[in-house]
Amino acid sequence: MWTEWGSDDPECPEHARNLGSPTVLVNGEDVAPGPHPWAPREPGDGPRCRVYRDNDAIVPAPPVRRVVDAITKALRPSVG
């Protein structure tokens, strides 16, 4: 299931707030985690943009392989 949220939408769930756009979450996890080059937003700051690294390039969206890897991992059966 795909759900798209605007981080400034009052209906946006807490786990999807204060994220730059675009951010892709799979089961609530960022497909491109890591240190982000911005400080946490204050309420009312408004939306912001986000860029990603793909090898040596800066790209405007998460690399496809990161999204596919996250979905593949999410579809694996849980063991335990």
C-alpha atoms as a PDB file:
ATOM      1  CA  MET A   1       0.000   0.000   0.000  1.00  0.00           C
ATOM      2  CA  TRP A   2       1.269   3.493  -0.875  1.00  0.00           C
ATOM      3  CA  THR A   3       0.383   6.559   1.191  1.00  0.00           C
ATOM      4  CA  GLU A   4       1.627  10.028   0.382  1.00  0.00           C
ATOM      5  CA  TRP A   5       1.769  12.650   3.123  1.00  0.00           C
ATOM      6  CA  GLY A   6       2.575  16.334   3.190  1.00  0.00           C
ATOM      7  CA  SER A   7       4.637  16.895   6.337  1.00  0.00           C
ATOM      8  CA  ASP A   8       2.713  20.088   7.041  1.00  0.00           C
ATOM      9  CA  ASP A   9      -0.674  18.299   6.791  1.00  0.00           C
ATOM     10  CA  PRO A  10      -2.332  18.130  10.233  1.00  0.00           C
ATOM     11  CA  GLU A  11      -3.325  14.516   9.421  1.00  0.00           C
ATOM     12  CA  CYS A  12       0.301  13.510   8.768  1.00  0.00           C
ATOM     13  CA  PRO A  13       1.378  10.796  11.234  1.00  0.00           C
ATOM     14  CA  GLU A  14       4.097  11.711  13.737  1.00  0.00           C
ATOM     15  CA  HIS A  15       6.693   9.369  12.172  1.00  0.00           C
ATOM     16  CA  ALA A  16       6.415  11.220   8.848  1.00  0.00           C
ATOM     17  CA  ARG A  17       6.724  14.767  10.173  1.00  0.00           C
ATOM     18  CA  ASN A  18       9.773  16.985   9.907  1.00  0.00           C
ATOM     19  CA  LEU A  19      11.180  15.064   6.946  1.00  0.00           C
ATOM     20  CA  GLY A  20      12.511  16.694   3.800  1.00  0.00           C
ATOM     21  CA  SER A  21      10.822  16.066   0.484  1.00  0.00           C
ATOM     22  CA  PRO A  22      11.058  13.597  -1.030  1.00  0.00           C
ATOM     23  CA  THR A  23      11.496  11.056   1.734  1.00  0.00           C
ATOM     24  CA  VAL A  24      10.542   7.430   1.100  1.00  0.00           C
ATOM     25  CA  LEU A  25       9.604   5.330   4.134  1.00  0.00           C
ATOM     26  CA  VAL A  26       9.045   1.578   4.000  1.00  0.00           C
ATOM     27  CA  ASN A  27       7.307   0.303   7.126  1.00  0.00           C
ATOM     28  CA  GLY A  28       8.175   3.641   8.737  1.00  0.00           C
ATOM     29  CA  GLU A  29      11.914   3.360   8.004  1.00  0.00           C
ATOM     30  CA  ASP A  30      13.768   5.862   5.835  1.00  0.00           C
ATOM     31  CA  VAL A  31      15.202   4.080   2.768  1.00  0.00           C
ATOM     32  CA  ALA A  32      18.211   6.420   2.850  1.00  0.00           C
ATOM     33  CA  PRO A  33      18.986   6.934   6.536  1.00  0.00           C
ATOM     34  CA  GLY A  34      22.089   8.550   7.829  1.00  0.00           C
ATOM     35  CA  PRO A  35      23.230  11.909   8.976  1.00  0.00           C
ATOM     36  CA  HIS A  36      21.049  14.596   7.499  1.00  0.00           C
ATOM     37  CA  PRO A  37      22.536  17.996   6.731  1.00  0.00           C
ATOM     38  CA  TRP A  38      19.867  19.949   8.561  1.00  0.00           C
ATOM     39  CA  ALA A  39      18.786  20.623  12.092  1.00  0.00           C
ATOM     40  CA  PRO A  40      15.401  19.387  13.310  1.00  0.00           C
ATOM     41  CA  ARG A  41      12.554  21.611  12.168  1.00  0.00           C
ATOM     42  CA  GLU A  42      10.464  23.664  14.472  1.00  0.00           C
ATOM     43  CA  PRO A  43       6.663  23.423  14.161  1.00  0.00           C
ATOM     44  CA  GLY A  44       5.439  25.869  11.523  1.00  0.00           C
ATOM     45  CA  ASP A  45       8.783  26.059   9.652  1.00  0.00           C
ATOM     46  CA  GLY A  46       7.155  24.744   6.467  1.00  0.00           C
ATOM     47  CA  PRO A  47       8.306  22.114   3.973  1.00  0.00           C
ATOM     48  CA  ARG A  48      11.912  21.612   2.882  1.00  0.00           C
ATOM     49  CA  CYS A  49      13.692  19.821   0.064  1.00  0.00           C
ATOM     50  CA  ARG A  50      16.026  16.857   0.337  1.00  0.00           C
ATOM     51  CA  VAL A  51      18.737  15.471  -1.938  1.00  0.00           C
ATOM     52  CA  TYR A  52      20.494  12.113  -1.971  1.00  0.00           C
ATOM     53  CA  ARG A  53      23.873  10.695  -2.847  1.00  0.00           C
ATOM     54  CA  ASP A  54      24.094   7.986  -5.506  1.00  0.00           C
ATOM     55  CA  ASN A  55      27.755   7.001  -5.709  1.00  0.00           C
ATOM     56  CA  ASP A  56      29.480  10.314  -6.528  1.00  0.00           C
ATOM     57  CA  ALA A  57      26.354  12.102  -7.736  1.00  0.00           C
ATOM     58  CA  ILE A  58      23.817  14.201  -5.856  1.00  0.00           C
ATOM     59  CA  VAL A  59      20.320  13.177  -7.005  1.00  0.00           C
ATOM     60  CA  PRO A  60      16.820  14.524  -6.252  1.00  0.00           C
ATOM     61  CA  ALA A  61      15.257  11.250  -5.069  1.00  0.00           C
ATOM     62  CA  PRO A  62      16.410   8.112  -3.244  1.00  0.00           C
ATOM     63  CA  PRO A  63      18.277   5.770  -5.589  1.00  0.00           C
ATOM     64  CA  VAL A  64      15.932   3.073  -6.914  1.00  0.00           C
ATOM     65  CA  ARG A  65      18.155   0.302  -5.531  1.00  0.00           C
ATOM     66  CA  ARG A  66      17.644   1.693  -1.987  1.00  0.00           C
ATOM     67  CA  VAL A  67      13.858   1.600  -2.416  1.00  0.00           C
ATOM     68  CA  VAL A  68      13.906  -1.914  -3.920  1.00  0.00           C
ATOM     69  CA  ASP A  69      16.219  -3.173  -1.140  1.00  0.00           C
ATOM     70  CA  ALA A  70      13.933  -1.724   1.550  1.00  0.00           C
ATOM     71  CA  ILE A  71      10.805  -3.275   0.004  1.00  0.00           C
ATOM     72  CA  THR A  72      12.564  -6.633  -0.454  1.00  0.00           C
ATOM     73  CA  LYS A  73      13.653  -6.612   3.197  1.00  0.00           C
ATOM     74  CA  ALA A  74      10.130  -5.683   4.328  1.00  0.00           C
ATOM     75  CA  LEU A  75       8.627  -8.587   2.374  1.00  0.00           C
ATOM     76  CA  ARG A  76      10.906 -11.205   3.918  1.00  0.00           C
ATOM     77  CA  PRO A  77       9.208 -13.435   6.451  1.00  0.00           C
ATOM     78  CA  SER A  78      10.069 -12.608  10.011  1.00  0.00           C
ATOM     79  CA  VAL A  79      12.057 -15.274  11.803  1.00  0.00           C
ATOM     80  CA  GLY A  80      11.936 -15.659  15.523  1.00  0.00           C
END
